[in-house]
N, C-alpha and C. Protein backbone atom coordinates (compact mmCIF):
# COMPACT_ATOMS: atom_id res chain seq x y z
N MET A 1 150.31 100.42 181.96
CA MET A 1 149.53 100.65 180.76
C MET A 1 150.21 99.95 179.58
N ALA A 2 149.43 99.30 178.74
CA ALA A 2 149.97 98.59 177.58
C ALA A 2 150.47 99.56 176.53
N ASN A 3 151.46 99.12 175.78
CA ASN A 3 152.00 99.90 174.68
C ASN A 3 150.90 100.08 173.63
N PRO A 4 150.53 101.34 173.28
CA PRO A 4 149.42 101.54 172.33
C PRO A 4 149.69 100.95 170.96
N ASN A 5 150.94 100.94 170.50
CA ASN A 5 151.25 100.33 169.19
C ASN A 5 151.08 98.82 169.24
N LYS A 6 151.43 98.20 170.36
CA LYS A 6 151.23 96.76 170.52
C LYS A 6 149.75 96.43 170.51
N VAL A 7 148.96 97.25 171.18
CA VAL A 7 147.51 97.05 171.22
C VAL A 7 146.93 97.13 169.80
N LYS A 8 147.36 98.15 169.02
CA LYS A 8 146.87 98.29 167.64
C LYS A 8 147.28 97.09 166.79
N GLY A 9 148.51 96.64 166.97
CA GLY A 9 148.99 95.49 166.20
C GLY A 9 148.24 94.22 166.53
N THR A 10 148.00 94.00 167.81
CA THR A 10 147.26 92.81 168.24
C THR A 10 145.83 92.86 167.72
N GLN A 11 145.22 94.04 167.74
CA GLN A 11 143.85 94.17 167.22
C GLN A 11 143.81 93.86 165.73
N TRP A 12 144.80 94.33 164.97
CA TRP A 12 144.85 94.06 163.54
C TRP A 12 144.99 92.56 163.28
N GLU A 13 145.86 91.88 164.03
CA GLU A 13 146.01 90.43 163.89
C GLU A 13 144.68 89.73 164.14
N SER A 14 143.99 90.14 165.19
CA SER A 14 142.69 89.53 165.52
C SER A 14 141.65 89.81 164.44
N ASP A 15 141.65 91.03 163.92
CA ASP A 15 140.71 91.39 162.85
C ASP A 15 140.95 90.54 161.60
N VAL A 16 142.22 90.34 161.24
CA VAL A 16 142.56 89.52 160.07
C VAL A 16 142.11 88.08 160.31
N ARG A 17 142.43 87.55 161.46
CA ARG A 17 142.03 86.17 161.80
C ARG A 17 140.51 86.02 161.71
N ASN A 18 139.78 86.93 162.34
CA ASN A 18 138.32 86.83 162.36
C ASN A 18 137.73 86.96 160.96
N TYR A 19 138.27 87.88 160.16
CA TYR A 19 137.78 88.05 158.80
C TYR A 19 137.98 86.77 157.99
N LEU A 20 139.18 86.21 158.04
CA LEU A 20 139.45 85.01 157.23
C LEU A 20 138.66 83.80 157.70
N ASN A 21 138.44 83.68 159.00
CA ASN A 21 137.60 82.58 159.48
C ASN A 21 136.18 82.70 158.94
N ALA A 22 135.65 83.91 158.93
CA ALA A 22 134.30 84.12 158.39
C ALA A 22 134.29 83.91 156.88
N ALA A 23 135.31 84.43 156.17
CA ALA A 23 135.36 84.34 154.71
C ALA A 23 135.49 82.89 154.24
N THR A 24 136.16 82.06 155.02
CA THR A 24 136.35 80.67 154.61
C THR A 24 135.29 79.75 155.19
N GLY A 25 134.36 80.29 155.95
CA GLY A 25 133.21 79.52 156.42
C GLY A 25 133.50 78.51 157.52
N VAL A 26 134.52 78.75 158.34
CA VAL A 26 134.82 77.80 159.42
C VAL A 26 134.21 78.22 160.75
N VAL A 27 133.48 79.35 160.75
CA VAL A 27 132.80 79.81 161.96
C VAL A 27 131.32 80.03 161.67
N ASN A 28 130.52 80.00 162.74
CA ASN A 28 129.10 80.28 162.59
C ASN A 28 128.86 81.80 162.64
N GLU A 29 127.60 82.21 162.66
CA GLU A 29 127.29 83.64 162.63
C GLU A 29 127.72 84.36 163.90
N TYR A 30 128.08 83.62 164.95
CA TYR A 30 128.54 84.21 166.20
C TYR A 30 130.07 84.19 166.32
N GLY A 31 130.74 83.73 165.27
CA GLY A 31 132.19 83.68 165.28
C GLY A 31 132.77 82.47 165.99
N LYS A 32 131.96 81.48 166.29
CA LYS A 32 132.42 80.26 166.96
C LYS A 32 132.78 79.21 165.90
N PHE A 33 133.89 78.52 166.13
CA PHE A 33 134.31 77.48 165.19
C PHE A 33 133.24 76.41 165.04
N LEU A 34 132.98 76.01 163.80
CA LEU A 34 132.07 74.90 163.55
C LEU A 34 132.69 73.61 164.05
N ASP A 35 134.00 73.47 163.86
CA ASP A 35 134.76 72.32 164.36
C ASP A 35 136.06 72.86 164.95
N PRO A 36 136.17 72.91 166.26
CA PRO A 36 137.37 73.50 166.88
C PRO A 36 138.67 72.78 166.51
N PHE A 37 138.58 71.56 166.01
CA PHE A 37 139.77 70.78 165.68
C PHE A 37 140.11 70.81 164.19
N ASP A 38 139.35 71.54 163.41
CA ASP A 38 139.60 71.64 161.97
C ASP A 38 140.93 72.36 161.74
N PRO A 39 141.86 71.73 161.02
CA PRO A 39 143.16 72.37 160.78
C PRO A 39 143.07 73.62 159.89
N HIS A 40 141.92 73.84 159.26
CA HIS A 40 141.74 75.03 158.43
C HIS A 40 141.28 76.26 159.21
N ASN A 41 141.04 76.11 160.50
CA ASN A 41 140.71 77.27 161.32
C ASN A 41 141.90 78.22 161.32
N VAL A 42 141.65 79.48 161.10
CA VAL A 42 142.72 80.49 161.11
C VAL A 42 142.95 80.87 162.56
N ARG A 43 144.23 80.86 162.96
CA ARG A 43 144.56 81.07 164.38
C ARG A 43 145.72 82.04 164.54
N ARG A 44 145.76 82.65 165.72
CA ARG A 44 146.92 83.45 166.16
C ARG A 44 147.71 82.57 167.11
N PRO A 45 148.89 82.11 166.68
CA PRO A 45 149.65 81.19 167.53
C PRO A 45 150.29 81.91 168.71
N ALA A 46 150.50 81.16 169.78
CA ALA A 46 151.27 81.69 170.91
C ALA A 46 152.73 81.73 170.49
N GLN A 47 153.44 82.78 170.86
CA GLN A 47 154.86 82.89 170.53
C GLN A 47 155.66 82.08 171.54
N GLU A 48 156.55 81.26 171.00
CA GLU A 48 157.35 80.39 171.85
C GLU A 48 158.81 80.49 171.44
N GLY A 49 159.67 80.80 172.39
CA GLY A 49 161.11 80.78 172.14
C GLY A 49 161.57 81.87 171.20
N ALA A 50 162.79 81.68 170.69
CA ALA A 50 163.45 82.71 169.88
C ALA A 50 163.00 82.71 168.43
N ALA A 51 162.49 81.60 167.93
CA ALA A 51 162.12 81.49 166.52
C ALA A 51 160.65 81.87 166.34
N ASP A 52 160.41 83.11 165.92
CA ASP A 52 159.05 83.61 165.72
C ASP A 52 158.37 82.79 164.62
N VAL A 53 157.10 82.45 164.83
CA VAL A 53 156.36 81.64 163.86
C VAL A 53 155.25 82.43 163.17
N GLY A 54 155.30 83.76 163.22
CA GLY A 54 154.33 84.59 162.52
C GLY A 54 153.17 84.98 163.39
N ASP A 55 152.35 85.90 162.86
CA ASP A 55 151.24 86.46 163.62
C ASP A 55 149.95 85.67 163.49
N VAL A 56 149.67 85.19 162.27
CA VAL A 56 148.43 84.46 162.00
C VAL A 56 148.77 83.27 161.13
N HIS A 57 148.19 82.11 161.47
CA HIS A 57 148.36 80.91 160.66
C HIS A 57 147.04 80.62 159.94
N ALA A 58 147.11 80.63 158.61
CA ALA A 58 145.98 80.28 157.74
C ALA A 58 146.51 79.23 156.79
N VAL A 59 146.48 77.99 157.22
CA VAL A 59 147.10 76.88 156.49
C VAL A 59 146.76 76.99 155.01
N PRO A 60 147.78 77.03 154.12
CA PRO A 60 149.21 76.81 154.27
C PRO A 60 150.04 78.10 154.36
N PHE A 61 149.44 79.20 154.79
CA PHE A 61 150.12 80.49 154.85
C PHE A 61 150.42 80.92 156.29
N VAL A 62 151.56 81.57 156.46
CA VAL A 62 151.85 82.34 157.67
C VAL A 62 151.70 83.80 157.27
N LEU A 63 150.91 84.54 158.04
CA LEU A 63 150.67 85.94 157.76
C LEU A 63 151.42 86.80 158.77
N GLU A 64 152.22 87.71 158.26
CA GLU A 64 152.88 88.70 159.10
C GLU A 64 152.03 89.96 159.00
N CYS A 65 151.31 90.29 160.07
CA CYS A 65 150.35 91.40 160.05
C CYS A 65 151.00 92.67 160.57
N LYS A 66 150.80 93.77 159.84
CA LYS A 66 151.39 95.05 160.21
C LYS A 66 150.34 96.15 160.18
N ASN A 67 150.33 96.93 161.25
CA ASN A 67 149.48 98.12 161.32
C ASN A 67 150.42 99.29 161.56
N VAL A 68 150.94 99.84 160.48
CA VAL A 68 151.97 100.89 160.54
C VAL A 68 151.59 102.04 159.63
N LYS A 69 152.16 103.21 159.90
CA LYS A 69 151.91 104.37 159.03
C LYS A 69 152.66 104.25 157.72
N LYS A 70 153.91 103.78 157.79
CA LYS A 70 154.74 103.67 156.58
C LYS A 70 155.19 102.23 156.42
N ALA A 71 154.69 101.58 155.38
CA ALA A 71 154.99 100.17 155.16
C ALA A 71 156.35 99.99 154.48
N SER A 72 157.09 99.03 154.97
CA SER A 72 158.36 98.61 154.36
C SER A 72 158.15 97.18 153.87
N VAL A 73 157.45 97.06 152.76
CA VAL A 73 156.97 95.76 152.31
C VAL A 73 158.09 94.74 152.08
N PRO A 74 159.20 95.07 151.40
CA PRO A 74 160.24 94.05 151.25
C PRO A 74 160.76 93.51 152.58
N THR A 75 160.89 94.37 153.58
CA THR A 75 161.32 93.92 154.91
C THR A 75 160.26 93.02 155.53
N PHE A 76 159.00 93.40 155.41
CA PHE A 76 157.91 92.58 155.96
C PHE A 76 157.88 91.21 155.29
N LEU A 77 158.12 91.17 153.97
CA LEU A 77 158.09 89.90 153.25
C LEU A 77 159.24 88.99 153.67
N ARG A 78 160.43 89.55 153.85
CA ARG A 78 161.55 88.73 154.34
C ARG A 78 161.21 88.14 155.70
N GLN A 79 160.63 88.95 156.56
CA GLN A 79 160.23 88.48 157.89
C GLN A 79 159.19 87.37 157.79
N ALA A 80 158.19 87.55 156.93
CA ALA A 80 157.13 86.55 156.76
C ALA A 80 157.70 85.22 156.25
N GLU A 81 158.64 85.29 155.34
CA GLU A 81 159.21 84.06 154.78
C GLU A 81 160.03 83.31 155.81
N VAL A 82 160.79 84.02 156.64
CA VAL A 82 161.56 83.37 157.72
C VAL A 82 160.59 82.73 158.72
N GLU A 83 159.54 83.45 159.08
CA GLU A 83 158.59 82.93 160.06
C GLU A 83 157.81 81.74 159.52
N ALA A 84 157.51 81.73 158.21
CA ALA A 84 156.85 80.57 157.61
C ALA A 84 157.76 79.34 157.73
N ARG A 85 159.05 79.51 157.45
CA ARG A 85 160.00 78.38 157.60
C ARG A 85 160.05 77.92 159.06
N ASN A 86 160.10 78.86 159.99
CA ASN A 86 160.13 78.51 161.41
C ASN A 86 158.90 77.70 161.81
N ALA A 87 157.75 78.04 161.23
CA ALA A 87 156.49 77.38 161.58
C ALA A 87 156.26 76.10 160.77
N GLY A 88 157.11 75.86 159.75
CA GLY A 88 156.93 74.68 158.90
C GLY A 88 155.85 74.83 157.86
N PHE A 89 155.55 76.08 157.46
CA PHE A 89 154.53 76.35 156.44
C PHE A 89 155.23 76.69 155.12
N PRO A 90 154.60 76.39 153.99
CA PRO A 90 155.26 76.66 152.71
C PRO A 90 155.26 78.12 152.27
N TYR A 91 154.31 78.94 152.75
CA TYR A 91 154.17 80.29 152.23
C TYR A 91 154.11 81.32 153.36
N GLY A 92 154.84 82.43 153.17
CA GLY A 92 154.77 83.55 154.09
C GLY A 92 154.42 84.81 153.33
N VAL A 93 153.41 85.56 153.81
CA VAL A 93 152.98 86.80 153.17
C VAL A 93 152.79 87.88 154.24
N ALA A 94 152.79 89.12 153.80
CA ALA A 94 152.58 90.26 154.71
C ALA A 94 151.20 90.85 154.48
N VAL A 95 150.52 91.16 155.57
CA VAL A 95 149.18 91.77 155.50
C VAL A 95 149.25 93.12 156.22
N VAL A 96 149.04 94.19 155.45
CA VAL A 96 149.21 95.54 155.98
C VAL A 96 147.87 96.26 156.02
N LYS A 97 147.55 96.82 157.17
CA LYS A 97 146.30 97.57 157.34
C LYS A 97 146.32 98.83 156.50
N VAL A 98 145.19 99.16 155.92
CA VAL A 98 145.01 100.41 155.19
C VAL A 98 144.20 101.34 156.10
N ALA A 99 144.77 102.50 156.38
CA ALA A 99 144.13 103.45 157.31
C ALA A 99 142.71 103.79 156.87
N ARG A 100 141.82 103.79 157.85
CA ARG A 100 140.42 104.19 157.66
C ARG A 100 139.67 103.32 156.64
N GLN A 101 140.10 102.08 156.47
CA GLN A 101 139.41 101.14 155.58
C GLN A 101 139.02 99.90 156.37
N SER A 102 138.04 99.17 155.86
CA SER A 102 137.63 97.94 156.52
C SER A 102 138.73 96.89 156.40
N VAL A 103 138.65 95.88 157.22
CA VAL A 103 139.67 94.83 157.23
C VAL A 103 139.80 94.16 155.86
N ARG A 104 138.70 94.00 155.16
CA ARG A 104 138.77 93.31 153.86
C ARG A 104 139.58 94.08 152.82
N ARG A 105 139.85 95.34 153.08
CA ARG A 105 140.66 96.17 152.17
C ARG A 105 142.14 96.18 152.56
N GLY A 106 142.49 95.45 153.62
CA GLY A 106 143.89 95.32 153.97
C GLY A 106 144.68 94.78 152.79
N LYS A 107 145.93 95.17 152.67
CA LYS A 107 146.77 94.76 151.54
C LYS A 107 147.56 93.52 151.89
N VAL A 108 147.49 92.53 151.01
CA VAL A 108 148.23 91.28 151.18
C VAL A 108 149.33 91.26 150.13
N HIS A 109 150.57 91.22 150.60
CA HIS A 109 151.74 91.29 149.73
C HIS A 109 152.43 89.94 149.64
N PHE A 110 152.77 89.55 148.42
CA PHE A 110 153.48 88.30 148.15
C PHE A 110 154.81 88.63 147.50
N GLY A 111 155.90 88.03 147.99
CA GLY A 111 157.15 88.10 147.25
C GLY A 111 156.97 87.37 145.92
N ILE A 112 157.75 87.73 144.93
CA ILE A 112 157.59 87.14 143.59
C ILE A 112 157.74 85.62 143.62
N ARG A 113 158.71 85.10 144.35
CA ARG A 113 158.90 83.64 144.41
C ARG A 113 157.69 82.96 145.04
N THR A 114 157.20 83.52 146.14
CA THR A 114 156.02 82.94 146.79
C THR A 114 154.81 83.02 145.88
N TRP A 115 154.62 84.16 145.24
CA TRP A 115 153.50 84.34 144.31
C TRP A 115 153.53 83.27 143.22
N THR A 116 154.72 83.02 142.68
CA THR A 116 154.87 82.03 141.61
C THR A 116 154.57 80.63 142.12
N ARG A 117 155.06 80.30 143.29
CA ARG A 117 154.80 78.97 143.85
C ARG A 117 153.31 78.76 144.13
N VAL A 118 152.65 79.78 144.66
CA VAL A 118 151.21 79.68 144.93
C VAL A 118 150.45 79.57 143.60
N ARG A 119 150.84 80.39 142.63
CA ARG A 119 150.20 80.35 141.31
C ARG A 119 150.28 78.96 140.71
N ARG A 120 151.45 78.36 140.79
CA ARG A 120 151.62 77.02 140.23
C ARG A 120 150.79 75.99 140.99
N SER A 121 150.61 76.19 142.29
CA SER A 121 149.85 75.21 143.08
C SER A 121 148.37 75.18 142.68
N VAL A 122 147.85 76.30 142.16
CA VAL A 122 146.45 76.32 141.71
C VAL A 122 146.33 76.12 140.20
N GLY A 123 147.48 75.97 139.52
CA GLY A 123 147.47 75.61 138.11
C GLY A 123 147.04 76.70 137.15
N LEU A 124 147.37 77.96 137.46
CA LEU A 124 146.99 79.06 136.57
C LEU A 124 148.24 79.71 135.99
N ASN A 125 148.09 80.27 134.78
CA ASN A 125 149.20 81.06 134.23
C ASN A 125 149.22 82.43 134.92
N SER A 126 150.28 83.17 134.69
CA SER A 126 150.46 84.43 135.40
C SER A 126 149.31 85.40 135.20
N ARG A 127 148.89 85.57 133.96
CA ARG A 127 147.81 86.53 133.67
C ARG A 127 146.50 86.11 134.34
N ALA A 128 146.14 84.84 134.20
CA ALA A 128 144.89 84.36 134.79
C ALA A 128 144.91 84.47 136.31
N PHE A 129 146.05 84.15 136.91
CA PHE A 129 146.19 84.23 138.38
C PHE A 129 146.05 85.68 138.85
N ALA A 130 146.76 86.58 138.18
CA ALA A 130 146.71 88.00 138.55
C ALA A 130 145.29 88.55 138.41
N GLU A 131 144.60 88.18 137.34
CA GLU A 131 143.24 88.69 137.12
C GLU A 131 142.24 88.09 138.10
N ARG A 132 142.32 86.78 138.31
CA ARG A 132 141.34 86.11 139.20
C ARG A 132 141.40 86.66 140.62
N TYR A 133 142.60 86.96 141.11
CA TYR A 133 142.76 87.39 142.50
C TYR A 133 143.14 88.87 142.62
N ALA A 134 142.96 89.63 141.56
CA ALA A 134 143.13 91.09 141.55
C ALA A 134 144.52 91.53 142.04
N PHE A 135 145.56 90.84 141.59
CA PHE A 135 146.92 91.22 141.96
C PHE A 135 147.41 92.39 141.13
N THR A 136 148.18 93.25 141.77
CA THR A 136 148.89 94.32 141.06
C THR A 136 150.37 94.20 141.41
N PRO A 137 151.24 94.49 140.43
CA PRO A 137 152.68 94.35 140.69
C PRO A 137 153.28 95.62 141.26
N SER A 138 154.35 95.44 142.01
CA SER A 138 155.20 96.54 142.43
C SER A 138 156.61 96.13 142.05
N LEU A 139 157.09 96.68 140.96
CA LEU A 139 158.38 96.30 140.41
C LEU A 139 159.31 97.49 140.49
N ARG A 140 160.00 97.61 141.62
CA ARG A 140 160.83 98.79 141.87
C ARG A 140 162.28 98.48 141.55
N GLY A 141 162.81 99.15 140.56
CA GLY A 141 164.22 99.00 140.22
C GLY A 141 164.54 97.65 139.63
N LEU A 142 165.83 97.34 139.57
CA LEU A 142 166.29 96.10 138.95
C LEU A 142 166.47 94.98 139.97
N ASP A 143 166.38 95.29 141.25
CA ASP A 143 166.56 94.29 142.29
C ASP A 143 165.26 93.52 142.48
N THR A 144 165.20 92.30 141.93
CA THR A 144 163.96 91.51 142.01
C THR A 144 163.61 91.12 143.44
N GLY A 145 164.55 91.22 144.36
CA GLY A 145 164.27 90.96 145.76
C GLY A 145 163.33 91.98 146.37
N LYS A 146 163.16 93.11 145.70
CA LYS A 146 162.25 94.15 146.19
C LYS A 146 160.93 94.17 145.41
N TRP A 147 160.77 93.26 144.48
CA TRP A 147 159.53 93.18 143.72
C TRP A 147 158.51 92.37 144.51
N TYR A 148 157.25 92.75 144.38
CA TYR A 148 156.19 91.99 145.03
C TYR A 148 154.87 92.19 144.32
N MET A 149 153.91 91.33 144.65
CA MET A 149 152.56 91.38 144.10
C MET A 149 151.59 91.62 145.25
N THR A 150 150.54 92.41 144.99
CA THR A 150 149.62 92.81 146.05
C THR A 150 148.17 92.58 145.64
N THR A 151 147.40 92.10 146.59
CA THR A 151 145.95 92.00 146.45
C THR A 151 145.35 92.49 147.77
N ASP A 152 144.04 92.36 147.92
CA ASP A 152 143.44 92.75 149.20
C ASP A 152 143.00 91.50 149.96
N LEU A 153 142.63 91.67 151.21
CA LEU A 153 142.28 90.53 152.05
C LEU A 153 141.04 89.81 151.55
N GLU A 154 140.13 90.53 150.94
CA GLU A 154 138.93 89.90 150.39
C GLU A 154 139.30 88.90 149.29
N ALA A 155 140.14 89.32 148.35
CA ALA A 155 140.58 88.42 147.28
C ALA A 155 141.46 87.30 147.84
N PHE A 156 142.26 87.62 148.87
CA PHE A 156 143.10 86.60 149.48
C PHE A 156 142.24 85.49 150.11
N GLY A 157 141.10 85.84 150.68
CA GLY A 157 140.20 84.83 151.24
C GLY A 157 139.75 83.83 150.19
N VAL A 158 139.47 84.32 148.98
CA VAL A 158 139.09 83.44 147.87
C VAL A 158 140.29 82.58 147.47
N LEU A 159 141.46 83.21 147.36
CA LEU A 159 142.67 82.48 147.02
C LEU A 159 142.98 81.40 148.05
N LEU A 160 142.85 81.73 149.32
CA LEU A 160 143.09 80.77 150.38
C LEU A 160 142.23 79.52 150.20
N ALA A 161 140.95 79.72 149.95
CA ALA A 161 140.04 78.58 149.73
C ALA A 161 140.47 77.78 148.51
N ASP A 162 140.86 78.46 147.43
CA ASP A 162 141.28 77.76 146.21
C ASP A 162 142.56 76.97 146.42
N VAL A 163 143.52 77.54 147.14
CA VAL A 163 144.78 76.82 147.42
C VAL A 163 144.49 75.58 148.26
N ARG A 164 143.62 75.72 149.23
CA ARG A 164 143.26 74.56 150.06
C ARG A 164 142.57 73.49 149.24
N ASP A 165 141.71 73.88 148.31
CA ASP A 165 141.01 72.91 147.46
C ASP A 165 141.97 72.18 146.52
N ALA A 166 143.03 72.88 146.09
CA ALA A 166 143.99 72.31 145.15
C ALA A 166 144.93 71.30 145.80
N ARG A 167 144.99 71.31 147.13
CA ARG A 167 145.93 70.43 147.84
C ARG A 167 145.44 69.03 147.91
């Protein structure tokens, strides 16, 4: 019998992938890729070797997807950033399921450095970026390594399209 937590985690990764593919318009109404070779297709990569490359690839982001009762966001963000480097992607973010909510309400967390780099890539000031993509800050204590910005998967889908357009 499969580990039930692994099954839940795999389902969450698949749900995130499917949602973002639909939100960015790379699939038809049946969930089939319009162009299977399009590099913008959101995918769940096969894990190879010791260097984990993340759960979901949504160019230029690596998403570390978590379906847990108690989120440890700073730990998840460190993991996402390492996995983004392993995969050769510029940005790593954590996507955490919200209990009893639809996938589009999942929380997408950005470390402050990543948030700033993404913000600059789309050419917006901090206030405009936070408002356009509905970000809220979590500024805990004086250790900026534990600070992060959060939006939901629905707003992240819009941001993903905008980042791709800006490239």
